[in-house]
Protein backbone atom coordinates (compact mmCIF):
# COMPACT_ATOMS: atom_id res chain seq x y z
CA MET A 1 117.11 -93.77 -31.79
CA ILE A 2 114.73 -94.11 -28.82
CA ASN A 3 116.24 -95.41 -25.60
CA CYS A 4 113.99 -96.98 -22.96
CA TYR A 5 114.20 -95.24 -19.59
CA ASP A 6 112.16 -94.98 -16.41
CA LEU A 7 108.47 -94.70 -17.32
CA THR A 8 107.75 -92.26 -14.53
CA ALA A 9 110.27 -89.80 -15.93
CA ALA A 10 108.84 -90.26 -19.42
CA VAL A 11 105.35 -89.54 -18.20
CA GLU A 12 106.47 -86.36 -16.42
CA ASP A 13 108.17 -85.15 -19.58
CA PHE A 14 105.03 -85.96 -21.58
CA LYS A 15 102.86 -84.01 -19.18
CA ALA A 16 105.25 -81.04 -19.36
CA SER A 17 105.24 -81.13 -23.15
CA SER A 18 101.45 -81.13 -23.13
CA ARG A 19 101.14 -77.72 -21.43
CA PRO A 20 99.62 -74.85 -23.41
CA ILE A 21 102.03 -73.55 -26.03
CA ASP A 22 102.71 -69.96 -27.00
CA PHE A 23 102.33 -70.06 -30.78
CA GLN A 24 104.36 -66.87 -31.08
CA ASP A 25 107.50 -68.31 -29.57
CA GLY A 26 108.64 -69.94 -32.82
CA PHE A 27 109.36 -73.31 -31.21
CA GLU A 28 106.09 -75.15 -31.97
CA GLU A 29 107.67 -77.66 -34.35
CA ASP A 30 110.47 -78.53 -31.93
CA ARG A 31 107.96 -78.86 -29.10
CA GLN A 32 105.82 -81.29 -31.11
CA MET A 33 108.85 -83.36 -32.14
CA LYS A 34 109.89 -83.62 -28.52
CA LYS A 35 106.38 -84.72 -27.60
CA LEU A 36 106.43 -87.50 -30.21
CA HIS A 37 109.87 -88.59 -28.99
CA ILE A 38 108.61 -88.83 -25.41
CA ILE A 39 105.55 -90.85 -26.50
CA GLY A 40 107.94 -93.26 -28.17
CA GLN A 41 109.94 -93.56 -24.96
CA ILE A 42 106.75 -94.29 -23.01
CA VAL A 43 105.75 -96.97 -25.49
CA CYS A 44 109.20 -98.54 -25.24
CA ALA A 45 109.01 -98.57 -21.45
CA VAL A 46 105.54 -100.08 -21.56
CA ILE A 47 106.72 -102.88 -23.83
CA THR A 48 109.49 -103.62 -21.34
CA LEU A 49 107.08 -103.64 -18.42
CA THR A 50 104.49 -105.82 -20.12
CA SER A 51 106.80 -108.40 -21.66
CA VAL A 52 105.14 -111.13 -19.65
CA THR A 53 102.89 -113.98 -20.65
CA ALA A 54 99.72 -112.51 -22.10
CA ASN A 55 96.40 -113.76 -20.80
CA ALA A 56 92.88 -112.72 -21.33
CA CYS A 57 90.19 -112.78 -18.59
CA THR A 58 89.29 -109.67 -16.62
CA ARG A 59 87.36 -108.98 -13.39
CA PHE A 60 86.44 -105.67 -11.75
CA ILE A 61 84.30 -104.30 -8.90
CA TYR A 62 82.22 -101.23 -9.80
CA GLU A 63 80.82 -99.00 -7.04
CA THR A 64 77.45 -97.42 -7.81
CA GLY A 65 76.24 -94.01 -6.65
CA ASN A 66 74.24 -95.80 -3.94
CA LYS A 67 77.34 -97.36 -2.35
CA THR A 68 76.40 -100.79 -3.69
CA PHE A 69 78.73 -102.97 -5.74
CA VAL A 70 78.65 -104.79 -9.05
CA VAL A 71 81.22 -107.36 -10.23
CA GLY A 72 82.00 -107.68 -13.93
CA ARG A 73 83.93 -110.50 -15.56
CA SER A 74 84.94 -111.73 -19.03
CA MET A 75 85.79 -115.33 -19.98
CA ASP A 76 88.35 -115.55 -22.77
CA TRP A 77 89.36 -118.97 -24.06
CA MET A 78 90.56 -120.60 -27.29
CA GLU A 79 87.35 -122.61 -27.64
CA ASP A 80 83.87 -122.80 -26.19
CA PRO A 81 84.42 -124.21 -22.65
CA LYS A 82 80.87 -125.64 -22.64
CA THR A 83 79.70 -123.38 -19.84
CA ASP A 84 76.30 -124.03 -18.28
CA LEU A 85 74.68 -122.23 -15.37
CA TRP A 86 73.83 -124.25 -12.27
CA ALA A 87 71.76 -123.61 -9.15
CA PHE A 88 73.16 -125.42 -6.12
CA PRO A 89 71.01 -125.36 -2.94
CA GLN A 90 71.97 -124.97 0.68
CA GLY A 91 72.60 -128.22 2.54
CA MET A 92 74.36 -130.14 -0.27
CA LYS A 93 76.83 -132.77 0.86
CA ARG A 94 80.08 -131.98 -0.91
CA ASN A 95 83.59 -133.37 -1.30
CA GLY A 96 86.78 -132.31 -3.03
CA GLY A 97 86.16 -134.67 -5.93
CA LEU A 98 89.32 -136.75 -5.60
CA GLY A 99 88.07 -139.87 -3.88
CA GLN A 100 89.59 -141.09 -0.63
CA GLY A 101 91.22 -138.30 1.33
CA SER A 102 89.10 -135.55 -0.21
CA MET A 103 87.88 -132.55 1.77
CA THR A 104 84.22 -132.84 2.80
CA TRP A 105 81.67 -130.17 3.71
CA THR A 106 77.98 -129.29 3.65
CA SER A 107 77.00 -126.13 1.81
CA LYS A 108 75.84 -123.33 4.11
CA TYR A 109 74.60 -121.17 1.24
CA GLY A 110 72.87 -121.71 -2.07
CA SER A 111 74.51 -120.37 -5.22
CA VAL A 112 74.18 -119.78 -8.94
CA ILE A 113 77.40 -120.68 -10.75
CA ALA A 114 78.98 -120.85 -14.20
CA SER A 115 80.72 -124.11 -15.01
CA PHE A 116 83.88 -124.71 -17.03
CA TYR A 117 83.66 -127.84 -19.22
CA ASN A 118 81.21 -129.00 -16.53
CA VAL A 119 84.13 -130.17 -14.40
CA ALA A 120 84.71 -126.94 -12.46
CA THR A 121 82.93 -123.98 -10.94
CA VAL A 122 84.64 -120.95 -12.51
CA GLU A 123 82.51 -118.24 -10.91
CA GLY A 124 79.23 -117.54 -9.15
CA MET A 125 77.29 -115.67 -6.48
CA ASN A 126 75.82 -117.17 -3.33
CA SER A 127 72.65 -116.39 -1.39
CA ALA A 128 74.63 -114.26 1.09
CA GLY A 129 75.92 -112.01 -1.70
CA LEU A 130 79.49 -113.34 -1.94
CA VAL A 131 80.81 -113.28 -5.52
CA ALA A 132 83.67 -115.56 -6.62
CA ASN A 133 85.57 -115.41 -9.90
CA THR A 134 88.47 -117.65 -10.90
CA LEU A 135 90.79 -116.50 -13.69
CA TYR A 136 93.59 -118.37 -15.43
CA LEU A 137 97.10 -117.81 -14.02
CA VAL A 138 100.09 -119.41 -15.75
CA GLU A 139 102.38 -118.87 -12.76
CA THR A 140 100.22 -121.01 -10.45
CA ASP A 141 102.03 -123.69 -8.44
CA TYR A 142 99.83 -125.51 -5.91
CA GLY A 143 102.74 -127.57 -4.56
CA ASP A 144 102.74 -131.32 -3.97
CA ALA A 145 99.29 -132.01 -2.54
CA ARG A 146 99.98 -135.69 -1.96
CA THR A 147 102.73 -134.95 0.55
CA ALA A 148 100.96 -132.04 2.25
CA GLY A 149 99.18 -134.23 4.78
CA LYS A 150 95.92 -132.34 4.29
CA PRO A 151 92.49 -133.19 2.83
CA LEU A 152 92.51 -132.93 -0.95
CA MET A 153 90.57 -130.41 -3.05
CA SER A 154 90.19 -130.53 -6.82
CA VAL A 155 90.97 -127.17 -8.37
CA GLY A 156 87.54 -127.52 -9.95
CA ALA A 157 85.92 -127.42 -6.50
CA TRP A 158 87.94 -124.54 -5.03
CA THR A 159 85.59 -121.74 -6.14
CA GLN A 160 82.53 -123.75 -5.14
CA TYR A 161 83.98 -124.33 -1.67
CA ALA A 162 84.20 -120.57 -1.13
CA LEU A 163 80.63 -120.01 -2.32
CA ASP A 164 79.30 -122.86 -0.20
CA ASN A 165 80.96 -121.77 3.03
CA PHE A 166 81.40 -118.01 3.32
CA ALA A 167 79.17 -114.94 3.47
CA THR A 168 81.89 -112.28 3.45
CA VAL A 169 85.39 -111.78 2.13
CA ALA A 170 86.81 -111.33 5.63
CA GLU A 171 85.31 -114.63 6.74
CA ALA A 172 86.82 -116.39 3.72
CA VAL A 173 90.24 -114.83 4.27
CA ASP A 174 90.27 -115.92 7.91
CA ALA A 175 89.35 -119.51 7.04
CA LEU A 176 91.35 -120.01 3.85
CA SER A 177 94.51 -118.45 5.30
CA GLN A 178 94.67 -121.54 7.54
CA GLU A 179 95.09 -123.63 4.36
CA PRO A 180 92.66 -126.37 5.45
CA PHE A 181 93.20 -128.38 2.26
CA ALA A 182 95.71 -129.03 -0.52
CA ILE A 183 94.71 -128.37 -4.13
CA VAL A 184 95.17 -130.95 -6.88
CA ALA A 185 95.06 -129.63 -10.46
CA PRO A 186 94.76 -132.32 -13.16
CA ALA A 187 94.80 -131.19 -16.79
CA LEU A 188 91.61 -129.70 -18.22
CA PRO A 189 89.57 -131.70 -20.75
CA ASP A 190 91.31 -129.84 -23.62
CA GLY A 191 94.74 -130.78 -22.20
CA SER A 192 95.56 -127.33 -20.82
CA ALA A 193 97.03 -126.91 -17.36
CA ALA A 194 94.42 -126.07 -14.72
CA GLY A 195 95.91 -123.12 -12.85
CA GLY A 196 94.11 -120.05 -11.64
CA HIS A 197 93.76 -117.35 -9.02
CA LEU A 198 90.54 -116.77 -7.12
CA SER A 199 88.96 -113.39 -6.41
CA LEU A 200 86.17 -112.74 -3.90
CA ALA A 201 83.92 -109.71 -3.40
CA ASP A 202 81.01 -109.03 -1.07
CA ALA A 203 78.21 -106.54 -0.42
CA SER A 204 80.49 -104.17 1.50
CA GLY A 205 82.87 -103.83 -1.46
CA ASP A 206 85.58 -105.85 0.25
CA SER A 207 87.89 -107.78 -2.06
CA ALA A 208 90.54 -110.50 -1.86
CA ILE A 209 92.77 -112.29 -4.34
CA PHE A 210 94.07 -115.81 -3.62
CA GLU A 211 97.09 -117.19 -5.50
CA TYR A 212 99.22 -120.29 -5.05
CA LEU A 213 102.83 -119.48 -5.92
CA ASN A 214 105.77 -121.84 -5.38
CA GLY A 215 103.45 -124.10 -3.41
CA LYS A 216 102.40 -121.34 -0.97
CA LEU A 217 99.08 -119.50 -0.65
CA VAL A 218 99.40 -115.73 -1.12
CA ILE A 219 96.41 -113.54 -0.19
CA HIS A 220 95.90 -109.89 -1.18
CA HIS A 221 93.05 -108.45 0.90
CA SER A 222 91.72 -104.92 0.51
CA PRO A 223 88.64 -103.18 -0.90
CA LYS A 224 91.01 -101.17 -3.11
CA TYR A 225 91.77 -104.30 -5.17
CA THR A 226 89.00 -103.67 -7.66
CA VAL A 227 90.64 -105.04 -10.83
CA MET A 228 92.23 -108.40 -11.58
CA THR A 229 93.36 -109.93 -14.86
CA ASN A 230 95.64 -112.94 -15.44
CA SER A 231 99.43 -112.91 -15.58
CA PRO A 232 101.62 -111.61 -14.09
CA THR A 233 100.96 -112.38 -10.44
CA PHE A 234 98.80 -109.84 -8.64
CA ASP A 235 101.67 -108.10 -6.84
CA GLN A 236 103.29 -107.42 -10.21
CA GLN A 237 99.99 -106.20 -11.65
CA LEU A 238 99.87 -103.64 -8.85
CA ALA A 239 103.46 -102.59 -9.51
CA ILE A 240 102.75 -102.05 -13.21
CA ALA A 241 99.62 -100.07 -12.39
CA THR A 242 101.61 -97.59 -10.28
CA TYR A 243 103.35 -96.37 -13.44
CA TRP A 244 100.01 -95.32 -14.89
CA LYS A 245 98.35 -93.57 -11.96
CA ASN A 246 98.98 -90.04 -13.15
CA ILE A 247 98.53 -90.54 -16.87
CA ASP A 248 95.53 -89.04 -18.59
CA GLY A 249 93.86 -92.07 -20.15
CA LEU A 250 92.21 -89.82 -22.72
CA SER A 251 95.69 -89.12 -24.12
CA PHE A 252 97.48 -92.44 -23.86
CA LEU A 253 96.86 -95.98 -22.58
CA PRO A 254 98.43 -99.36 -23.53
CA GLY A 255 96.26 -101.08 -26.10
CA THR A 256 97.20 -104.74 -26.57
CA ILE A 257 95.22 -107.74 -25.30
CA ASN A 258 98.06 -108.53 -22.88
CA SER A 259 96.86 -109.04 -19.34
CA SER A 260 98.94 -106.18 -17.96
CA ASP A 261 97.63 -103.77 -20.61
CA ARG A 262 94.04 -104.77 -19.86
CA PHE A 263 94.68 -104.28 -16.15
CA VAL A 264 95.77 -100.69 -16.80
CA ARG A 265 92.88 -99.93 -19.16
CA ALA A 266 90.29 -101.51 -16.88
CA SER A 267 91.64 -99.63 -13.85
CA TRP A 268 91.54 -96.29 -15.66
CA ALA A 269 88.07 -96.85 -17.12
CA LEU A 270 86.68 -98.03 -13.79
CA ASN A 271 87.96 -94.91 -12.03
CA ALA A 272 86.68 -92.66 -14.83
CA ALA A 273 83.20 -94.20 -15.04
CA PRO A 274 80.38 -92.26 -13.33
CA LYS A 275 78.91 -93.83 -10.19
CA GLU A 276 75.35 -94.22 -11.35
CA LYS A 277 72.48 -94.20 -8.83
CA ASP A 278 69.92 -95.57 -11.26
CA ASN A 279 70.32 -99.36 -11.19
CA ARG A 280 69.69 -99.76 -14.90
CA LEU A 281 72.44 -97.26 -15.72
CA ALA A 282 74.78 -98.91 -13.20
CA ILE A 283 74.36 -102.27 -14.94
CA ALA A 284 74.71 -100.63 -18.36
CA THR A 285 77.92 -98.97 -17.20
CA SER A 286 79.27 -102.28 -15.91
CA PHE A 287 78.54 -103.99 -19.22
CA SER A 288 80.17 -101.15 -21.13
CA LEU A 289 83.30 -101.53 -19.00
CA ILE A 290 83.66 -105.27 -19.51
CA ARG A 291 82.87 -105.01 -23.22
CA SER A 292 85.53 -102.33 -23.67
CA ILE A 293 88.29 -104.77 -22.65
CA SER A 294 86.91 -107.88 -24.35
CA VAL A 295 88.68 -109.63 -27.22
CA PRO A 296 87.04 -110.30 -30.63
CA LEU A 297 85.98 -113.87 -31.34
CA GLY A 298 88.42 -115.82 -33.47
CA LEU A 299 91.62 -114.38 -32.04
CA ALA A 300 93.87 -117.09 -30.62
CA GLU A 301 97.53 -117.92 -30.03
CA ALA A 302 98.64 -121.51 -30.52
CA GLY A 303 99.50 -123.27 -27.30
CA LYS A 304 98.02 -120.51 -25.13
CA PRO A 305 94.31 -121.25 -24.64
CA ASN A 306 93.78 -118.17 -22.52
CA ILE A 307 95.02 -115.74 -25.18
CA ALA A 308 91.85 -115.84 -27.20
CA GLY A 309 88.49 -114.26 -27.91
CA THR A 310 85.92 -113.44 -25.26
CA ILE A 311 83.40 -116.30 -25.06
CA TRP A 312 81.08 -114.76 -22.48
CA ARG A 313 80.68 -111.92 -20.00
CA SER A 314 78.88 -111.76 -16.67
CA ILE A 315 77.71 -109.05 -14.28
CA SER A 316 76.90 -109.83 -10.64
CA ASP A 317 74.67 -107.23 -8.97
CA ILE A 318 75.36 -108.01 -5.33
CA SER A 319 72.68 -105.91 -3.64
CA ALA A 320 69.95 -107.17 -6.00
CA LYS A 321 71.36 -110.72 -5.93
CA ARG A 322 70.96 -110.79 -9.69
CA TYR A 323 73.39 -112.53 -12.03
CA TYR A 324 73.54 -111.31 -15.65
CA PHE A 325 75.05 -113.33 -18.48
CA GLU A 326 75.98 -112.41 -22.06
CA SER A 327 77.27 -114.99 -24.55
CA ALA A 328 79.36 -113.81 -27.49
CA TYR A 329 77.48 -116.40 -29.57
CA ASN A 330 74.02 -114.92 -28.95
CA PRO A 331 72.58 -111.42 -29.44
CA SER A 332 70.91 -111.03 -26.05
CA ILE A 333 71.45 -110.63 -22.31
CA PHE A 334 69.59 -112.67 -19.72
CA TRP A 335 69.68 -112.78 -15.95
CA VAL A 336 68.89 -114.90 -12.92
CA ASP A 337 67.34 -113.59 -9.69
CA LEU A 338 68.72 -115.74 -6.90
CA ASP A 339 65.59 -115.18 -4.83
CA LYS A 340 63.56 -116.94 -7.54
CA LEU A 341 65.74 -120.05 -7.61
CA LYS A 342 65.12 -123.10 -5.44
CA LEU A 343 68.12 -122.78 -3.16
CA SER A 344 66.68 -123.85 0.20
CA ALA A 345 67.86 -127.03 1.91
CA GLY A 346 66.30 -130.12 0.40
CA SER A 347 65.96 -128.64 -3.10
CA ARG A 348 67.51 -130.43 -6.04
CA PRO A 349 70.45 -129.00 -8.00
CA SER A 350 69.37 -127.62 -11.36
CA ARG A 351 70.97 -126.62 -14.65
CA LEU A 352 70.38 -124.00 -17.31
CA ASP A 353 71.60 -125.34 -20.64
CA LEU A 354 73.95 -122.98 -22.46
CA THR A 355 75.99 -125.63 -24.29
CA SER A 356 73.47 -125.91 -27.12
CA ARG A 357 73.59 -122.09 -27.47
CA PRO A 358 69.89 -121.35 -26.94
CA ILE A 359 68.78 -117.74 -27.08
CA TYR A 360 67.45 -116.46 -23.76
CA ALA A 361 66.23 -113.01 -22.78
CA GLY A 362 65.06 -111.52 -19.51
CA GLU A 363 64.80 -113.41 -16.21
CA VAL A 364 65.32 -117.17 -16.70
CA SER A 365 65.10 -118.81 -13.26
CA ASP A 366 62.06 -120.82 -14.40
CA LYS A 367 64.13 -122.43 -17.17
CA PHE A 368 66.51 -124.27 -14.85
CA VAL A 369 65.94 -128.05 -14.95
CA ALA A 370 66.63 -130.41 -12.02
CA THR A 371 69.88 -132.24 -12.88
CA GLU A 372 72.49 -134.29 -11.06
CA PRO A 373 75.50 -132.03 -10.36
CA PHE A 374 78.67 -132.41 -12.39
CA LYS A 375 81.72 -134.10 -10.89
CA PHE A 376 84.73 -131.93 -10.15
CA LEU A 377 87.89 -132.29 -12.22
CA SER A 378 89.90 -135.34 -11.23
CA GLN A 379 92.68 -137.57 -12.53
């Protein structure tokens, strides 16, 4: 019988059992049996560590050989979330989307964004090169916004607020740590709870993760935070990852679609990937990374909308200010050059239809159509 024990000890035993063997010592069979036993112990420990709610989106920051940075992301959901791309110009008058008492602001930067049911901004990149990605987080607790005594912000507007107002991660951390608003999270159009954690990245490679837990904002800020998935909370993701630092991923890695398993696999693959200097190879590498941890279409778990197939993938090339998009429903990749969009003050918001599943290829900024912006999720 295999007994679970400390994973670190199991890994050390596995590494010891993997050393070159003297085939003349007569103990090869025993050595191999011991190795299999240790692998079983590692698997048992992994199951214990990852027995948390499984979720399915992934985000990473890839550093190229030119010291530039690319952000990759997958969107996994139980159904098509009717994502469209939008171009929002500088100078837009904005509010938190909740009527009286909502937060108000004017956008300092233009942005290209991906919508979620066209009631929320779920990710995007702004004209200053800040990239924002929001991923589902079951453990989210925004607290009681109505008693907070602060301006109100729809959860659907949270990501857009960051893109509209900040050029760097450090600037966003300084401002958002003051908690200038309280978040309200009505149910999504499909009835699912609207809870998520926000990640930011910028041209310097800086990174920050924002989570609301037990009604309090928790911020993790460091350029070393290059991978984020869903549950568990980010501090626990980091703790799980420490168990895998010294394991050769070519020999053994956890393989389920659980969030914690994907965090480990994405972290290992990101560290193992070559830092390409050729931009085309850097983008190809980024796509290969995000595809390697995607989930096949059709997989779903009842009652858990986020444990499902990958609907789309995106790559944000910060230095080029180019946003790539790949739908699982279509056989092609297309991209948007922010410099070719109408993002200056006075321009009209515009939309690129993806809901009807058209097939695009190449640069598509000229296919955006002026459209009134969607309203953020509200009661």
